[in-house]
N, C-alpha and C. Protein backbone atom coordinates (compact mmCIF):
# COMPACT_ATOMS: atom_id res chain seq x y z
N PHE A 1 7.06 10.93 1.70
CA PHE A 1 5.76 10.71 1.13
C PHE A 1 4.75 11.42 2.01
N CYS A 2 3.98 12.30 1.43
CA CYS A 2 2.98 13.05 2.17
C CYS A 2 1.66 12.92 1.43
N ALA A 3 0.59 12.58 2.13
CA ALA A 3 -0.70 12.40 1.49
C ALA A 3 -1.81 12.89 2.41
N GLY A 4 -2.92 13.24 1.81
CA GLY A 4 -4.07 13.67 2.58
C GLY A 4 -5.25 12.74 2.34
N ARG A 5 -6.18 12.73 3.27
CA ARG A 5 -7.39 11.91 3.18
C ARG A 5 -7.10 10.43 3.01
N VAL A 6 -6.15 9.93 3.77
CA VAL A 6 -5.79 8.52 3.73
C VAL A 6 -6.41 7.85 4.94
N PRO A 7 -7.11 6.72 4.74
CA PRO A 7 -7.69 6.03 5.89
C PRO A 7 -6.62 5.66 6.92
N ASN A 8 -6.98 5.72 8.20
CA ASN A 8 -6.03 5.49 9.28
C ASN A 8 -5.37 4.11 9.19
N ASP A 9 -6.14 3.07 8.85
CA ASP A 9 -5.54 1.74 8.79
C ASP A 9 -4.50 1.65 7.67
N ASP A 10 -4.71 2.37 6.56
CA ASP A 10 -3.70 2.40 5.49
C ASP A 10 -2.43 3.09 5.95
N MET A 11 -2.58 4.21 6.67
CA MET A 11 -1.40 4.92 7.18
C MET A 11 -0.61 4.04 8.15
N GLU A 12 -1.31 3.35 9.03
CA GLU A 12 -0.63 2.49 10.00
C GLU A 12 0.09 1.34 9.31
N ARG A 13 -0.53 0.75 8.29
CA ARG A 13 0.08 -0.36 7.57
C ARG A 13 1.36 0.08 6.87
N VAL A 14 1.31 1.24 6.21
CA VAL A 14 2.50 1.76 5.52
C VAL A 14 3.59 2.11 6.52
N SER A 15 3.23 2.75 7.62
CA SER A 15 4.25 3.15 8.60
C SER A 15 4.94 1.92 9.20
N ARG A 16 4.20 0.85 9.46
CA ARG A 16 4.82 -0.38 9.97
C ARG A 16 5.74 -1.00 8.93
N ALA A 17 5.30 -1.02 7.67
CA ALA A 17 6.09 -1.65 6.61
C ALA A 17 7.41 -0.93 6.36
N VAL A 18 7.39 0.40 6.36
CA VAL A 18 8.61 1.15 6.03
C VAL A 18 9.42 1.51 7.28
N GLY A 19 8.90 1.20 8.46
CA GLY A 19 9.63 1.48 9.69
C GLY A 19 9.55 2.92 10.12
N GLY A 20 8.49 3.62 9.75
CA GLY A 20 8.32 5.02 10.13
C GLY A 20 7.20 5.19 11.12
N ALA A 21 6.79 6.43 11.32
CA ALA A 21 5.70 6.75 12.23
C ALA A 21 4.80 7.80 11.58
N VAL A 22 3.50 7.67 11.77
CA VAL A 22 2.54 8.63 11.22
C VAL A 22 2.71 9.96 11.95
N GLN A 23 2.76 11.05 11.19
CA GLN A 23 2.91 12.39 11.75
C GLN A 23 1.73 13.24 11.31
N SER A 24 1.30 14.16 12.15
CA SER A 24 0.18 15.03 11.79
C SER A 24 0.65 16.34 11.16
N SER A 25 1.97 16.56 11.13
CA SER A 25 2.52 17.78 10.56
C SER A 25 3.87 17.46 9.91
N VAL A 26 4.24 18.23 8.91
CA VAL A 26 5.55 18.04 8.28
C VAL A 26 6.59 19.00 8.87
N SER A 27 6.21 19.70 9.91
CA SER A 27 7.15 20.60 10.59
C SER A 27 7.89 19.85 11.68
N ASN A 28 9.21 20.02 11.71
CA ASN A 28 10.05 19.43 12.76
C ASN A 28 9.87 17.92 12.91
N VAL A 29 9.89 17.19 11.81
CA VAL A 29 9.75 15.73 11.86
C VAL A 29 11.08 15.14 12.35
N PRO A 30 11.03 14.36 13.44
CA PRO A 30 12.28 13.77 13.95
C PRO A 30 12.76 12.64 13.04
N ASP A 31 14.06 12.42 13.01
CA ASP A 31 14.62 11.34 12.20
C ASP A 31 14.02 9.99 12.55
N SER A 32 13.67 9.80 13.80
CA SER A 32 13.12 8.52 14.25
C SER A 32 11.75 8.23 13.64
N ALA A 33 11.08 9.24 13.09
CA ALA A 33 9.76 9.05 12.48
C ALA A 33 9.85 8.70 11.00
N LEU A 34 11.05 8.79 10.43
CA LEU A 34 11.21 8.53 9.00
C LEU A 34 11.41 7.05 8.72
N GLY A 35 10.75 6.56 7.70
CA GLY A 35 10.93 5.18 7.24
C GLY A 35 11.65 5.20 5.91
N SER A 36 11.80 4.02 5.31
CA SER A 36 12.48 3.98 4.00
C SER A 36 11.99 2.80 3.17
N CYS A 37 12.16 2.95 1.86
CA CYS A 37 11.91 1.88 0.90
C CYS A 37 12.85 2.14 -0.27
N ALA A 38 13.10 1.11 -1.07
CA ALA A 38 14.01 1.26 -2.20
C ALA A 38 13.40 2.14 -3.29
N VAL A 39 12.13 1.92 -3.59
CA VAL A 39 11.46 2.68 -4.66
C VAL A 39 10.05 3.03 -4.22
N PHE A 40 9.67 4.28 -4.41
CA PHE A 40 8.29 4.72 -4.22
C PHE A 40 7.81 5.26 -5.54
N GLU A 41 6.64 4.81 -6.00
CA GLU A 41 6.07 5.34 -7.23
C GLU A 41 4.56 5.34 -7.13
N GLU A 42 3.96 6.28 -7.84
CA GLU A 42 2.52 6.36 -7.93
C GLU A 42 2.13 5.92 -9.32
N LYS A 43 1.25 4.92 -9.40
CA LYS A 43 0.83 4.41 -10.71
C LYS A 43 -0.69 4.45 -10.79
N SER A 44 -1.17 4.61 -12.00
CA SER A 44 -2.61 4.59 -12.26
C SER A 44 -2.98 3.29 -12.93
N PHE A 45 -4.06 2.69 -12.45
CA PHE A 45 -4.65 1.51 -13.06
C PHE A 45 -6.11 1.84 -13.27
N GLY A 46 -6.50 2.00 -14.53
CA GLY A 46 -7.86 2.44 -14.80
C GLY A 46 -8.04 3.85 -14.27
N ASN A 47 -9.09 4.07 -13.50
CA ASN A 47 -9.37 5.39 -12.94
C ASN A 47 -8.83 5.56 -11.52
N GLU A 48 -8.07 4.59 -11.03
CA GLU A 48 -7.58 4.66 -9.66
C GLU A 48 -6.07 4.81 -9.62
N ARG A 49 -5.59 5.57 -8.62
CA ARG A 49 -4.15 5.75 -8.42
C ARG A 49 -3.71 4.96 -7.21
N PHE A 50 -2.53 4.35 -7.31
CA PHE A 50 -1.99 3.56 -6.23
C PHE A 50 -0.57 4.02 -5.92
N ASN A 51 -0.23 4.04 -4.63
CA ASN A 51 1.14 4.31 -4.20
C ASN A 51 1.82 2.98 -3.98
N LEU A 52 2.92 2.75 -4.68
CA LEU A 52 3.64 1.48 -4.59
C LEU A 52 4.96 1.68 -3.86
N PHE A 53 5.16 0.92 -2.81
CA PHE A 53 6.39 0.94 -2.03
C PHE A 53 7.08 -0.39 -2.29
N THR A 54 8.27 -0.38 -2.88
CA THR A 54 8.98 -1.63 -3.13
C THR A 54 10.34 -1.59 -2.42
N GLY A 55 10.89 -2.77 -2.18
CA GLY A 55 12.15 -2.84 -1.46
C GLY A 55 12.00 -2.45 -0.02
N VAL A 56 10.92 -2.93 0.61
CA VAL A 56 10.62 -2.58 2.00
C VAL A 56 10.98 -3.78 2.87
N SER A 57 11.96 -3.60 3.73
CA SER A 57 12.49 -4.72 4.51
C SER A 57 11.51 -5.24 5.56
N GLU A 58 10.65 -4.41 6.10
CA GLU A 58 9.74 -4.83 7.18
C GLU A 58 8.41 -5.37 6.67
N ALA A 59 8.14 -5.29 5.37
CA ALA A 59 6.84 -5.71 4.83
C ALA A 59 6.67 -7.22 4.93
N LYS A 60 5.50 -7.63 5.35
CA LYS A 60 5.18 -9.05 5.43
C LYS A 60 3.94 -9.37 4.61
N THR A 61 3.51 -8.41 3.80
CA THR A 61 2.32 -8.59 2.98
C THR A 61 2.59 -8.07 1.57
N ALA A 62 1.66 -8.36 0.69
CA ALA A 62 1.71 -7.85 -0.68
C ALA A 62 0.29 -7.53 -1.11
N THR A 63 0.17 -6.68 -2.09
CA THR A 63 -1.13 -6.32 -2.64
C THR A 63 -1.22 -6.87 -4.06
N ILE A 64 -2.33 -7.49 -4.34
CA ILE A 64 -2.59 -8.00 -5.69
C ILE A 64 -3.73 -7.18 -6.26
N ILE A 65 -3.49 -6.56 -7.40
CA ILE A 65 -4.52 -5.75 -8.06
C ILE A 65 -5.08 -6.58 -9.21
N VAL A 66 -6.38 -6.84 -9.15
CA VAL A 66 -7.03 -7.66 -10.17
C VAL A 66 -8.08 -6.80 -10.86
N ARG A 67 -8.03 -6.79 -12.18
CA ARG A 67 -9.02 -6.05 -12.97
C ARG A 67 -9.63 -7.02 -13.97
N GLY A 68 -10.88 -6.80 -14.28
CA GLY A 68 -11.54 -7.68 -15.23
C GLY A 68 -12.74 -7.02 -15.87
N GLY A 69 -13.25 -7.68 -16.89
CA GLY A 69 -14.36 -7.12 -17.66
C GLY A 69 -15.73 -7.38 -17.09
N SER A 70 -15.86 -8.39 -16.22
CA SER A 70 -17.19 -8.69 -15.70
C SER A 70 -17.10 -9.04 -14.22
N GLU A 71 -18.22 -8.88 -13.54
CA GLU A 71 -18.29 -9.19 -12.11
C GLU A 71 -18.05 -10.68 -11.88
N GLN A 72 -18.56 -11.52 -12.77
CA GLN A 72 -18.38 -12.97 -12.65
C GLN A 72 -16.88 -13.33 -12.71
N PHE A 73 -16.16 -12.71 -13.64
CA PHE A 73 -14.72 -12.95 -13.75
C PHE A 73 -14.00 -12.54 -12.47
N MET A 74 -14.37 -11.39 -11.93
CA MET A 74 -13.72 -10.88 -10.72
C MET A 74 -13.97 -11.81 -9.53
N GLU A 75 -15.20 -12.29 -9.39
CA GLU A 75 -15.53 -13.19 -8.29
C GLU A 75 -14.77 -14.51 -8.41
N GLU A 76 -14.69 -15.05 -9.61
CA GLU A 76 -13.96 -16.30 -9.82
C GLU A 76 -12.47 -16.13 -9.56
N THR A 77 -11.92 -15.00 -9.98
CA THR A 77 -10.51 -14.71 -9.73
C THR A 77 -10.24 -14.59 -8.24
N GLU A 78 -11.12 -13.91 -7.53
CA GLU A 78 -10.95 -13.77 -6.08
C GLU A 78 -10.99 -15.14 -5.40
N ARG A 79 -11.92 -16.00 -5.79
CA ARG A 79 -12.00 -17.35 -5.21
C ARG A 79 -10.71 -18.15 -5.52
N SER A 80 -10.24 -18.04 -6.75
CA SER A 80 -9.02 -18.77 -7.14
C SER A 80 -7.81 -18.30 -6.35
N LEU A 81 -7.67 -17.00 -6.19
CA LEU A 81 -6.55 -16.46 -5.41
C LEU A 81 -6.65 -16.91 -3.95
N HIS A 82 -7.86 -16.83 -3.40
CA HIS A 82 -8.05 -17.25 -2.02
C HIS A 82 -7.66 -18.71 -1.84
N ASP A 83 -8.11 -19.58 -2.77
CA ASP A 83 -7.76 -21.00 -2.68
C ASP A 83 -6.25 -21.21 -2.79
N ALA A 84 -5.60 -20.47 -3.67
CA ALA A 84 -4.16 -20.63 -3.87
C ALA A 84 -3.36 -20.16 -2.65
N ILE A 85 -3.81 -19.11 -2.01
CA ILE A 85 -3.07 -18.53 -0.88
C ILE A 85 -3.31 -19.32 0.39
N MET A 86 -4.54 -19.77 0.59
CA MET A 86 -4.87 -20.48 1.83
C MET A 86 -4.47 -21.92 1.68
């Protein structure tokens, strides 16, 4: 997986989850820098694209994508999720 203009914290989170290391070049990448996952796919939700890594043994988090028609709905959904998780 190679991407450009990715925020540093996103790169670090993915590298920890898949067991790899962030590289600044694709030349001479050592095997020790490579991570793995069962499935990698890029999906679009609305006007945004997301990279989905599934089957990742080191992951300790998950991402929940919530979409809605109004700001009020989104705020209520966020509060409900927060209450359910905490």
